[in-house]
């Protein structure tokens, strides 16, 4: 069942924070297996607003990392820009706590606000994942290309790394590399699968 079908209900019924813990726990178990194979993998783990309202979340994360002996820098927690904006005070405290653990933080769906970079004054994200709307007809849309270029230049000016999502073809990839985007995700690189079997070293 796609997460988009049940997460809105989970957030309305306060079940999202329970799902967040389940996702973190299972993701870290997978990360342990990757490290056993000698793969220096970094996981991006999405969180909902429910985690910001959970006082015990950060201590629990510390416990999970220590129990599995996972270096905190191998984990990047991410939240949607709108979630952070709508919960700014707890988000600031949460990200400050993550940085204290040496975990990193990413802002998802970044760039649609009136002044998106102003948010970084309050929440120091390490990665900015550009909103997928900018990828619409990228090869023919000079407007979207320019928007991505401005976001990327602004991010690099603040020493942030930029991720473009929903990359579906080689043309889009070429444009993004030319703009200076640091990382990509999308079906052109790898379609979603139930197992972590793709060897990205083949692209080096």
Protein backbone atom coordinates (compact mmCIF):
# COMPACT_ATOMS: atom_id res chain seq x y z
CA UNK A 1 0.00 0.00 0.00
CA UNK A 2 1.60 3.32 -1.00
CA UNK A 3 2.43 5.56 1.95
CA UNK A 4 0.48 8.38 0.31
CA UNK A 5 -2.71 6.39 0.91
CA UNK A 6 -2.35 5.87 4.65
CA UNK A 7 0.01 8.55 5.99
CA UNK A 8 -2.58 11.40 5.94
CA UNK A 9 -4.88 9.27 8.13
CA UNK A 10 -1.95 8.28 10.34
CA UNK A 11 -1.08 11.91 10.95
CA UNK A 12 -4.68 12.83 11.74
CA UNK A 13 -4.98 9.98 14.27
CA UNK A 14 -1.59 10.56 15.92
CA UNK A 15 -0.28 7.22 14.61
CA UNK A 16 2.42 8.82 12.48
CA UNK A 17 4.96 8.96 15.30
CA UNK A 18 4.46 5.23 15.89
CA UNK A 19 5.09 4.57 12.20
CA UNK A 20 8.15 6.83 12.34
CA UNK A 21 9.67 4.65 15.05
CA UNK A 22 8.87 1.51 13.07
CA UNK A 23 10.51 2.97 9.94
CA UNK A 24 13.61 4.10 11.85
CA UNK A 25 14.02 0.74 13.55
CA UNK A 26 13.71 -1.27 10.35
CA UNK A 27 15.87 1.14 8.35
CA UNK A 28 18.67 0.93 10.91
CA UNK A 29 18.49 -2.88 10.82
CA UNK A 30 18.96 -2.70 7.05
CA UNK A 31 21.83 -0.27 7.49
CA UNK A 32 23.57 -2.71 9.82
CA UNK A 33 23.35 -5.39 7.13
CA UNK A 34 24.81 -3.02 4.54
CA UNK A 35 27.74 -2.20 6.82
CA UNK A 36 28.38 -5.90 7.46
CA UNK A 37 28.86 -6.27 3.70
CA UNK A 38 31.47 -3.51 3.76
CA UNK A 39 29.22 -0.96 2.07
CA UNK A 40 29.53 2.57 3.44
CA UNK A 41 25.84 3.33 2.95
CA UNK A 42 24.03 6.47 4.09
CA UNK A 43 20.29 6.27 4.70
CA UNK A 44 17.83 9.14 4.33
CA UNK A 45 14.91 8.49 6.69
CA UNK A 46 11.72 10.52 6.37
CA UNK A 47 9.96 11.73 9.51
CA UNK A 48 6.53 13.23 10.07
CA UNK A 49 5.38 16.08 12.28
CA UNK A 50 4.44 13.46 14.87
CA UNK A 51 8.10 12.98 15.76
CA UNK A 52 8.41 16.68 16.57
CA UNK A 53 5.70 16.31 19.19
CA UNK A 54 7.34 13.26 20.79
CA UNK A 55 9.66 14.33 23.67
CA UNK A 56 11.26 10.91 23.87
CA UNK A 57 12.15 10.64 20.18
CA UNK A 58 15.73 11.95 20.34
CA UNK A 59 16.77 9.80 23.34
CA UNK A 60 15.18 6.82 21.58
CA UNK A 61 17.18 7.53 18.41
CA UNK A 62 20.38 7.67 20.47
CA UNK A 63 19.51 4.30 21.99
CA UNK A 64 18.82 2.74 18.59
CA UNK A 65 22.12 3.96 17.13
CA UNK A 66 24.16 2.80 20.12
CA UNK A 67 22.44 -0.59 20.23
CA UNK A 68 23.38 -1.23 16.61
CA UNK A 69 26.76 0.55 16.76
CA UNK A 70 25.88 2.71 13.78
CA UNK A 71 27.85 5.95 13.26
CA UNK A 72 25.36 8.80 13.47
CA UNK A 73 26.78 10.47 10.37
CA UNK A 74 25.46 7.52 8.32
CA UNK A 75 21.89 8.64 8.99
CA UNK A 76 20.18 11.67 7.48
CA UNK A 77 16.71 12.45 8.79
CA UNK A 78 14.48 14.44 6.49
CA UNK A 79 11.23 16.36 6.75
CA UNK A 80 9.10 18.24 4.29
CA UNK A 81 9.61 21.98 4.15
CA UNK A 82 5.93 22.59 4.95
CA UNK A 83 6.15 20.35 8.03
CA UNK A 84 9.10 22.34 9.35
CA UNK A 85 7.47 25.70 8.60
CA UNK A 86 4.24 24.68 10.33
CA UNK A 87 6.13 23.35 13.37
CA UNK A 88 9.06 25.76 13.42
CA UNK A 89 9.86 25.89 17.14
CA UNK A 90 9.88 22.13 17.80
CA UNK A 91 11.65 21.59 14.45
CA UNK A 92 14.46 23.94 15.48
CA UNK A 93 14.90 22.07 18.75
CA UNK A 94 14.74 18.68 17.05
CA UNK A 95 17.33 19.54 14.40
CA UNK A 96 19.59 21.02 17.07
CA UNK A 97 19.35 17.73 18.91
CA UNK A 98 20.14 15.75 15.76
CA UNK A 99 23.22 17.87 15.14
CA UNK A 100 24.30 17.18 18.71
CA UNK A 101 24.18 13.48 17.88
CA UNK A 102 26.14 14.12 14.65
CA UNK A 103 23.20 12.99 12.52
CA UNK A 104 22.47 15.13 9.48
CA UNK A 105 19.23 16.73 8.33
CA UNK A 106 17.54 17.26 4.96
CA UNK A 107 14.67 19.52 3.93
CA UNK A 108 12.38 17.72 1.50
CA UNK A 109 10.24 19.44 -1.16
CA UNK A 110 12.37 22.55 -0.83
CA UNK A 111 11.96 25.75 -2.79
CA UNK A 112 8.24 26.45 -3.15
CA UNK A 113 7.96 29.05 -0.38
CA UNK A 114 8.24 32.81 -0.93
CA UNK A 115 11.70 32.95 0.66
CA UNK A 116 12.86 29.37 1.20
CA UNK A 117 16.39 30.29 2.23
CA UNK A 118 15.10 32.29 5.17
CA UNK A 119 14.08 28.98 6.74
CA UNK A 120 17.73 27.90 6.82
CA UNK A 121 18.45 30.69 9.31
CA UNK A 122 16.32 28.76 11.80
CA UNK A 123 16.82 25.16 10.68
CA UNK A 124 20.36 24.44 9.45
CA UNK A 125 19.74 21.64 6.98
CA UNK A 126 22.69 19.84 5.39
CA UNK A 127 20.78 18.74 2.28
CA UNK A 128 18.07 20.48 0.28
CA UNK A 129 15.85 18.17 -1.77
CA UNK A 130 14.31 20.31 -4.50
CA UNK A 131 10.54 20.07 -4.84
CA UNK A 132 9.54 17.66 -7.59
CA UNK A 133 7.31 20.27 -9.26
CA UNK A 134 10.46 21.86 -10.71
CA UNK A 135 11.16 18.63 -12.58
CA UNK A 136 7.98 18.89 -14.65
CA UNK A 137 8.95 18.97 -18.36
CA UNK A 138 12.44 20.01 -17.30
CA UNK A 139 14.04 19.55 -20.72
CA UNK A 140 11.67 22.06 -22.33
CA UNK A 141 10.96 24.38 -19.41
CA UNK A 142 13.52 27.18 -19.19
CA UNK A 143 11.58 28.55 -16.23
CA UNK A 144 12.03 25.37 -14.20
CA UNK A 145 15.68 25.13 -15.22
CA UNK A 146 16.28 28.67 -14.03
CA UNK A 147 14.43 28.03 -10.76
CA UNK A 148 16.60 24.98 -10.07
CA UNK A 149 19.72 26.96 -10.97
CA UNK A 150 18.81 29.74 -8.53
CA UNK A 151 18.02 27.27 -5.77
CA UNK A 152 21.25 25.36 -6.39
CA UNK A 153 23.41 28.48 -6.48
CA UNK A 154 21.79 29.77 -3.30
CA UNK A 155 22.28 26.43 -1.57
CA UNK A 156 25.92 26.17 -2.58
CA UNK A 157 26.44 29.71 -1.34
CA UNK A 158 25.44 28.44 2.10
CA UNK A 159 27.46 25.20 1.81
CA UNK A 160 24.36 23.04 1.39
CA UNK A 161 24.16 19.98 -0.84
CA UNK A 162 21.33 19.79 -3.38
CA UNK A 163 19.30 16.73 -4.33
CA UNK A 164 17.00 16.61 -7.35
CA UNK A 165 14.23 14.02 -7.17
CA UNK A 166 11.98 12.41 -9.80
CA UNK A 167 14.73 12.22 -12.43
CA UNK A 168 13.24 10.12 -15.21
CA UNK A 169 15.53 10.45 -18.23
CA UNK A 170 19.06 11.11 -19.42
CA UNK A 171 18.20 14.57 -20.73
CA UNK A 172 17.02 15.72 -17.33
CA UNK A 173 20.12 14.24 -15.71
CA UNK A 174 22.40 16.10 -18.13
CA UNK A 175 20.65 19.40 -17.42
CA UNK A 176 20.89 18.90 -13.67
CA UNK A 177 24.59 18.06 -13.78
CA UNK A 178 25.15 21.19 -15.88
CA UNK A 179 23.33 23.27 -13.29
CA UNK A 180 25.48 21.83 -10.52
CA UNK A 181 23.03 19.66 -8.59
CA UNK A 182 24.99 17.35 -6.25
CA UNK A 183 22.78 14.25 -6.14
CA UNK A 184 19.78 12.80 -7.91
CA UNK A 185 17.09 10.25 -7.23
CA UNK A 186 14.48 8.83 -9.55
CA UNK A 187 13.53 5.92 -11.78
CA UNK A 188 16.21 6.78 -14.32
CA UNK A 189 18.83 5.90 -11.72
CA UNK A 190 16.98 3.10 -9.94
CA UNK A 191 13.30 2.18 -9.63
CA UNK A 192 12.04 1.39 -6.12
CA UNK A 193 12.55 -2.22 -5.04
CA UNK A 194 11.96 -4.28 -1.93
CA UNK A 195 15.64 -5.15 -1.53
CA UNK A 196 18.83 -3.08 -1.56
CA UNK A 197 20.50 -4.88 -4.41
CA UNK A 198 21.67 -2.11 -6.71
CA UNK A 199 25.43 -1.61 -6.93
CA UNK A 200 26.04 2.11 -7.47
CA UNK A 201 29.79 1.56 -7.84
CA UNK A 202 29.10 0.49 -11.42
CA UNK A 203 28.36 4.14 -12.24
CA UNK A 204 31.76 5.44 -11.16
